Amino acid sequence: MRAEQVKHLPIVLARLSNDEQRLIDALFFHGLGVREYAREIGVPPMKIVRDRDRILAKLKKYFSNF
């Protein structure tokens, strides 16, 4: 990640919903796996995969503005 993008990370993450923030936090900052996180919140792992991919696409779009 470029230094400029890192600087804007908190701003971009703040644009996500609370559920989206929790998912990104769990998977990328706390190192939980998809299955583990899905089990933790009681949903199928494929829902987490779909949500993760949708959120990452959203983040990519936000970062393209910087």
N, C-alpha and C. Protein backbone atom coordinates (compact mmCIF):
# COMPACT_ATOMS: atom_id res chain seq x y z
N MET A 1 0.84 -1.17 0.00
CA MET A 1 0.00 0.00 0.00
C MET A 1 0.89 1.24 0.00
N ARG A 2 0.56 2.17 -0.81
CA ARG A 2 1.34 3.39 -0.88
C ARG A 2 1.13 4.23 0.37
N ALA A 3 2.14 5.04 0.71
CA ALA A 3 2.08 5.87 1.90
C ALA A 3 0.86 6.79 1.87
N GLU A 4 0.54 7.31 0.71
CA GLU A 4 -0.62 8.20 0.58
C GLU A 4 -1.91 7.45 0.90
N GLN A 5 -2.01 6.21 0.46
CA GLN A 5 -3.20 5.41 0.74
C GLN A 5 -3.29 5.07 2.22
N VAL A 6 -2.16 4.75 2.83
CA VAL A 6 -2.15 4.43 4.26
C VAL A 6 -2.66 5.62 5.07
N LYS A 7 -2.27 6.80 4.65
CA LYS A 7 -2.69 8.01 5.34
C LYS A 7 -4.21 8.16 5.31
N HIS A 8 -4.84 7.73 4.21
CA HIS A 8 -6.28 7.86 4.05
C HIS A 8 -7.07 6.64 4.53
N LEU A 9 -6.41 5.62 4.97
CA LEU A 9 -7.09 4.39 5.39
C LEU A 9 -8.18 4.63 6.43
N PRO A 10 -7.91 5.36 7.52
CA PRO A 10 -8.98 5.58 8.51
C PRO A 10 -10.20 6.30 7.92
N ILE A 11 -9.96 7.23 7.01
CA ILE A 11 -11.05 7.96 6.38
C ILE A 11 -11.90 7.02 5.52
N VAL A 12 -11.22 6.19 4.76
CA VAL A 12 -11.92 5.27 3.86
C VAL A 12 -12.67 4.21 4.67
N LEU A 13 -12.04 3.67 5.69
CA LEU A 13 -12.71 2.66 6.52
C LEU A 13 -13.93 3.24 7.23
N ALA A 14 -13.89 4.52 7.57
CA ALA A 14 -15.02 5.16 8.24
C ALA A 14 -16.25 5.24 7.33
N ARG A 15 -16.05 5.14 6.03
CA ARG A 15 -17.17 5.17 5.09
C ARG A 15 -17.94 3.85 5.06
N LEU A 16 -17.36 2.80 5.62
CA LEU A 16 -18.02 1.50 5.65
C LEU A 16 -19.02 1.45 6.80
N SER A 17 -20.01 0.57 6.66
CA SER A 17 -20.96 0.35 7.75
C SER A 17 -20.24 -0.35 8.90
N ASN A 18 -20.87 -0.37 10.06
CA ASN A 18 -20.28 -1.04 11.22
C ASN A 18 -20.01 -2.52 10.94
N ASP A 19 -20.96 -3.20 10.29
CA ASP A 19 -20.77 -4.61 9.96
C ASP A 19 -19.60 -4.81 9.00
N GLU A 20 -19.49 -3.93 8.02
CA GLU A 20 -18.39 -4.01 7.06
C GLU A 20 -17.06 -3.76 7.77
N GLN A 21 -17.03 -2.79 8.66
CA GLN A 21 -15.81 -2.50 9.40
C GLN A 21 -15.39 -3.69 10.26
N ARG A 22 -16.36 -4.32 10.92
CA ARG A 22 -16.05 -5.50 11.75
C ARG A 22 -15.48 -6.63 10.91
N LEU A 23 -16.05 -6.87 9.73
CA LEU A 23 -15.56 -7.94 8.86
C LEU A 23 -14.12 -7.65 8.43
N ILE A 24 -13.84 -6.46 7.96
CA ILE A 24 -12.48 -6.10 7.53
C ILE A 24 -11.51 -6.18 8.70
N ASP A 25 -11.93 -5.70 9.84
CA ASP A 25 -11.09 -5.74 11.03
C ASP A 25 -10.74 -7.19 11.41
N ALA A 26 -11.75 -8.04 11.41
CA ALA A 26 -11.54 -9.45 11.78
C ALA A 26 -10.62 -10.17 10.80
N LEU A 27 -10.87 -9.99 9.52
CA LEU A 27 -10.11 -10.74 8.51
C LEU A 27 -8.71 -10.19 8.27
N PHE A 28 -8.56 -8.87 8.26
CA PHE A 28 -7.29 -8.30 7.85
C PHE A 28 -6.44 -7.75 8.99
N PHE A 29 -7.05 -7.38 10.10
CA PHE A 29 -6.27 -6.81 11.19
C PHE A 29 -6.12 -7.76 12.37
N HIS A 30 -7.06 -8.73 12.49
CA HIS A 30 -6.95 -9.72 13.56
C HIS A 30 -6.62 -11.11 13.05
N GLY A 31 -6.53 -11.27 11.74
CA GLY A 31 -6.08 -12.51 11.15
C GLY A 31 -7.03 -13.70 11.23
N LEU A 32 -8.32 -13.43 11.46
CA LEU A 32 -9.27 -14.54 11.47
C LEU A 32 -9.50 -15.05 10.06
N GLY A 33 -9.76 -16.32 9.94
CA GLY A 33 -10.10 -16.89 8.65
C GLY A 33 -11.58 -16.70 8.36
N VAL A 34 -11.95 -16.89 7.11
CA VAL A 34 -13.34 -16.72 6.70
C VAL A 34 -14.24 -17.67 7.48
N ARG A 35 -13.87 -18.93 7.55
CA ARG A 35 -14.70 -19.91 8.26
C ARG A 35 -14.82 -19.57 9.74
N GLU A 36 -13.72 -19.18 10.33
CA GLU A 36 -13.73 -18.84 11.76
C GLU A 36 -14.65 -17.65 12.03
N TYR A 37 -14.54 -16.61 11.22
CA TYR A 37 -15.38 -15.43 11.41
C TYR A 37 -16.85 -15.77 11.15
N ALA A 38 -17.11 -16.56 10.11
CA ALA A 38 -18.49 -16.97 9.81
C ALA A 38 -19.09 -17.73 10.98
N ARG A 39 -18.32 -18.63 11.55
CA ARG A 39 -18.79 -19.40 12.70
C ARG A 39 -19.07 -18.46 13.88
N GLU A 40 -18.20 -17.50 14.07
CA GLU A 40 -18.33 -16.56 15.18
C GLU A 40 -19.62 -15.76 15.10
N ILE A 41 -20.00 -15.34 13.90
CA ILE A 41 -21.22 -14.52 13.78
C ILE A 41 -22.44 -15.32 13.32
N GLY A 42 -22.25 -16.61 13.05
CA GLY A 42 -23.38 -17.50 12.75
C GLY A 42 -23.94 -17.39 11.35
N VAL A 43 -23.07 -17.24 10.36
CA VAL A 43 -23.51 -17.19 8.96
C VAL A 43 -22.68 -18.16 8.15
N PRO A 44 -23.15 -18.54 6.96
CA PRO A 44 -22.36 -19.43 6.10
C PRO A 44 -21.08 -18.73 5.62
N PRO A 45 -19.99 -19.49 5.49
CA PRO A 45 -18.74 -18.89 5.02
C PRO A 45 -18.85 -18.20 3.66
N MET A 46 -19.69 -18.70 2.78
CA MET A 46 -19.82 -18.06 1.46
C MET A 46 -20.38 -16.65 1.57
N LYS A 47 -21.21 -16.39 2.58
CA LYS A 47 -21.70 -15.03 2.78
C LYS A 47 -20.54 -14.10 3.12
N ILE A 48 -19.64 -14.58 3.94
CA ILE A 48 -18.47 -13.78 4.32
C ILE A 48 -17.60 -13.52 3.09
N VAL A 49 -17.41 -14.53 2.26
CA VAL A 49 -16.61 -14.38 1.04
C VAL A 49 -17.24 -13.34 0.12
N ARG A 50 -18.56 -13.43 -0.08
CA ARG A 50 -19.25 -12.46 -0.95
C ARG A 50 -19.17 -11.05 -0.36
N ASP A 51 -19.41 -10.94 0.94
CA ASP A 51 -19.34 -9.63 1.59
C ASP A 51 -17.93 -9.06 1.51
N ARG A 52 -16.93 -9.89 1.78
CA ARG A 52 -15.53 -9.45 1.72
C ARG A 52 -15.20 -8.91 0.32
N ASP A 53 -15.58 -9.66 -0.70
CA ASP A 53 -15.28 -9.25 -2.07
C ASP A 53 -15.99 -7.95 -2.43
N ARG A 54 -17.23 -7.80 -1.99
CA ARG A 54 -17.99 -6.58 -2.25
C ARG A 54 -17.35 -5.39 -1.53
N ILE A 55 -16.94 -5.59 -0.29
CA ILE A 55 -16.30 -4.52 0.48
C ILE A 55 -14.96 -4.14 -0.13
N LEU A 56 -14.19 -5.12 -0.54
CA LEU A 56 -12.88 -4.81 -1.16
C LEU A 56 -13.06 -4.03 -2.46
N ALA A 57 -14.10 -4.35 -3.22
CA ALA A 57 -14.37 -3.59 -4.45
C ALA A 57 -14.74 -2.15 -4.10
N LYS A 58 -15.51 -2.00 -3.04
CA LYS A 58 -15.90 -0.66 -2.58
C LYS A 58 -14.66 0.12 -2.13
N LEU A 59 -13.78 -0.52 -1.38
CA LEU A 59 -12.56 0.14 -0.92
C LEU A 59 -11.66 0.52 -2.10
N LYS A 60 -11.58 -0.36 -3.08
CA LYS A 60 -10.78 -0.06 -4.27
C LYS A 60 -11.31 1.19 -4.97
N LYS A 61 -12.63 1.31 -5.05
CA LYS A 61 -13.25 2.47 -5.67
C LYS A 61 -12.93 3.73 -4.85
N TYR A 62 -13.04 3.65 -3.53
CA TYR A 62 -12.72 4.80 -2.68
C TYR A 62 -11.26 5.21 -2.85
N PHE A 63 -10.36 4.24 -2.87
CA PHE A 63 -8.93 4.55 -2.97
C PHE A 63 -8.56 5.10 -4.35
N SER A 64 -9.33 4.81 -5.35
CA SER A 64 -9.02 5.33 -6.68
C SER A 64 -9.15 6.85 -6.72
N ASN A 65 -9.84 7.41 -5.72
CA ASN A 65 -10.00 8.87 -5.65
C ASN A 65 -8.78 9.57 -5.04
N PHE A 66 -7.83 8.80 -4.51
CA PHE A 66 -6.66 9.42 -3.86
C PHE A 66 -5.43 9.28 -4.74
